[in-house]
C-alpha atoms as a PDB file:
ATOM      1  CA  MET A   1      -2.387 -13.042  20.107  1.00  0.00           C
ATOM      2  CA  ALA A   2      -4.039  -9.669  19.240  1.00  0.00           C
ATOM      3  CA  SER A   3      -1.484  -8.025  20.467  1.00  0.00           C
ATOM      4  CA  LYS A   4       0.935  -9.791  18.330  1.00  0.00           C
ATOM      5  CA  LYS A   5      -0.783  -8.482  15.351  1.00  0.00           C
ATOM      6  CA  PHE A   6      -0.588  -5.082  15.797  1.00  0.00           C
ATOM      7  CA  VAL A   7       3.332  -5.229  16.535  1.00  0.00           C
ATOM      8  CA  ILE A   8       3.586  -7.379  12.952  1.00  0.00           C
ATOM      9  CA  ALA A   9       0.893  -4.313  11.761  1.00  0.00           C
ATOM     10  CA  LYS A  10       2.674  -1.515  13.014  1.00  0.00           C
ATOM     11  CA  GLN A  11       6.390  -2.912  11.640  1.00  0.00           C
ATOM     12  CA  LEU A  12       4.307  -1.847   7.793  1.00  0.00           C
ATOM     13  CA  GLY A  13       4.495   1.538   8.277  1.00  0.00           C
ATOM     14  CA  GLY A  14       6.644   3.016   6.903  1.00  0.00           C
ATOM     15  CA  LYS A  15       7.890   0.590   3.872  1.00  0.00           C
ATOM     16  CA  ARG A  16       8.826   0.928   0.012  1.00  0.00           C
ATOM     17  CA  VAL A  17       5.413   0.477  -1.682  1.00  0.00           C
ATOM     18  CA  ILE A  18       7.167  -1.057  -5.296  1.00  0.00           C
ATOM     19  CA  THR A  19       5.867  -3.116  -8.590  1.00  0.00           C
ATOM     20  CA  ASN A  20       6.458  -5.329  -9.367  1.00  0.00           C
ATOM     21  CA  LYS A  21       8.463  -3.713 -12.510  1.00  0.00           C
ATOM     22  CA  GLY A  22      10.407  -2.237 -10.047  1.00  0.00           C
ATOM     23  CA  GLU A  23       8.785   1.314  -9.978  1.00  0.00           C
ATOM     24  CA  GLU A  24       8.728   2.667  -6.757  1.00  0.00           C
ATOM     25  CA  VAL A  25       5.112   4.124  -6.144  1.00  0.00           C
ATOM     26  CA  GLY A  26       5.803   5.696  -2.360  1.00  0.00           C
ATOM     27  CA  ARG A  27       5.249   4.248   1.226  1.00  0.00           C
ATOM     28  CA  LEU A  28       2.887   3.212   3.702  1.00  0.00           C
ATOM     29  CA  SER A  29       0.449   5.174   5.597  1.00  0.00           C
ATOM     30  CA  ASP A  30      -2.047   3.722   5.962  1.00  0.00           C
ATOM     31  CA  VAL A  31      -4.298   1.128   5.622  1.00  0.00           C
ATOM     32  CA  THR A  32      -7.809   0.908   4.972  1.00  0.00           C
ATOM     33  CA  VAL A  33     -10.437  -1.622   6.505  1.00  0.00           C
ATOM     34  CA  ASP A  34     -14.281  -2.896   5.986  1.00  0.00           C
ATOM     35  CA  GLU A  35     -15.696  -2.726   8.754  1.00  0.00           C
ATOM     36  CA  GLN A  36     -18.403  -4.611   8.311  1.00  0.00           C
ATOM     37  CA  SER A  37     -16.031  -7.931   6.956  1.00  0.00           C
ATOM     38  CA  GLY A  38     -12.966  -6.916   7.959  1.00  0.00           C
ATOM     39  CA  ASN A  39     -11.654  -7.266   5.024  1.00  0.00           C
ATOM     40  CA  LEU A  40      -8.342  -5.314   4.629  1.00  0.00           C
ATOM     41  CA  GLU A  41      -9.101  -2.805   1.501  1.00  0.00           C
ATOM     42  CA  PHE A  42      -6.628  -0.736   0.691  1.00  0.00           C
ATOM     43  CA  LEU A  43      -3.207   0.198   1.325  1.00  0.00           C
ATOM     44  CA  VAL A  44      -2.859   4.191   2.388  1.00  0.00           C
ATOM     45  CA  ILE A  45       0.722   5.417   0.257  1.00  0.00           C
ATOM     46  CA  GLU A  46       2.423   8.192   0.612  1.00  0.00           C
ATOM     47  CA  PRO A  47       3.616   9.000  -2.838  1.00  0.00           C
ATOM     48  CA  ARG A  48       6.181   9.025  -4.479  1.00  0.00           C
ATOM     49  CA  THR A  49       6.919  12.640  -6.798  1.00  0.00           C
ATOM     50  CA  SER A  50       8.331  10.778  -9.635  1.00  0.00           C
ATOM     51  CA  SER A  51       5.798   8.083  -9.575  1.00  0.00           C
ATOM     52  CA  ARG A  52       4.079   8.137 -12.683  1.00  0.00           C
ATOM     53  CA  ILE A  53       1.724   5.351 -11.245  1.00  0.00           C
ATOM     54  CA  ALA A  54       1.624   6.975  -7.797  1.00  0.00           C
ATOM     55  CA  THR A  55       0.299  10.034  -9.191  1.00  0.00           C
ATOM     56  CA  ASP A  56      -2.768   8.389 -11.190  1.00  0.00           C
ATOM     57  CA  LEU A  57      -3.538   6.764  -8.098  1.00  0.00           C
ATOM     58  CA  ILE A  58      -3.496  10.307  -5.774  1.00  0.00           C
ATOM     59  CA  GLY A  59      -7.049  10.916  -4.424  1.00  0.00           C
ATOM     60  CA  THR A  60      -8.152  14.402  -3.165  1.00  0.00           C
ATOM     61  CA  ASP A  61      -5.879  14.004   0.119  1.00  0.00           C
ATOM     62  CA  SER A  62      -2.630  13.841  -1.433  1.00  0.00           C
ATOM     63  CA  MET A  63      -2.036  10.613  -0.513  1.00  0.00           C
ATOM     64  CA  ALA A  64      -2.035   6.882  -2.981  1.00  0.00           C
ATOM     65  CA  ARG A  65      -4.797   4.878  -2.391  1.00  0.00           C
ATOM     66  CA  VAL A  66      -3.770   1.015  -4.351  1.00  0.00           C
ATOM     67  CA  PRO A  67      -6.041  -1.724  -4.211  1.00  0.00           C
ATOM     68  CA  PHE A  68      -4.686  -4.310  -1.654  1.00  0.00           C
ATOM     69  CA  LYS A  69      -5.684  -7.097  -4.669  1.00  0.00           C
ATOM     70  CA  ALA A  70      -2.509  -5.880  -6.106  1.00  0.00           C
ATOM     71  CA  VAL A  71      -0.662  -6.373  -3.250  1.00  0.00           C
ATOM     72  CA  PHE A  72       2.090  -9.669  -4.684  1.00  0.00           C
ATOM     73  CA  SER A  73       4.325  -9.540  -1.208  1.00  0.00           C
ATOM     74  CA  VAL A  74       5.888  -8.471   1.011  1.00  0.00           C
ATOM     75  CA  SER A  75       9.200  -9.436   2.703  1.00  0.00           C
ATOM     76  CA  ASP A  76      11.376  -5.880   2.700  1.00  0.00           C
ATOM     77  CA  VAL A  77       9.047  -4.310   0.729  1.00  0.00           C
ATOM     78  CA  ILE A  78       5.933  -4.536  -0.483  1.00  0.00           C
ATOM     79  CA  VAL A  79       5.118  -5.659  -3.765  1.00  0.00           C
ATOM     80  CA  VAL A  80       2.473  -4.304  -6.064  1.00  0.00           C
ATOM     81  CA  ASP A  81       1.266  -6.130  -9.112  1.00  0.00           C
ATOM     82  CA  GLU A  82       1.644  -2.921 -11.655  1.00  0.00           C
ATOM     83  CA  THR A  83      -1.264  -4.029 -13.648  1.00  0.00           C
ATOM     84  CA  MET A  84      -3.877  -3.750 -11.113  1.00  0.00           C
ATOM     85  CA  LEU A  85      -3.129  -0.218 -10.591  1.00  0.00           C
ATOM     86  CA  VAL A  86      -3.792   1.029 -13.786  1.00  0.00           C
END
């Protein structure tokens, strides 16, 4: 069963991340996980340079981090709740 989860997680890489208001934040690069609980903490995103929201979320490594609790849905794109990003 673990290998199936790995395949699913691998398919998420590169997906577009947009807000529930339609602004594209960037593309999913990685996720961070709490090592103690195993819970997902953040989506690590290659930010879209024209995104105002992504600019506000960029860290020292030039990547944007979106809290996992902001994820609204995952399908062809990952939709995040914009109100949880500011």
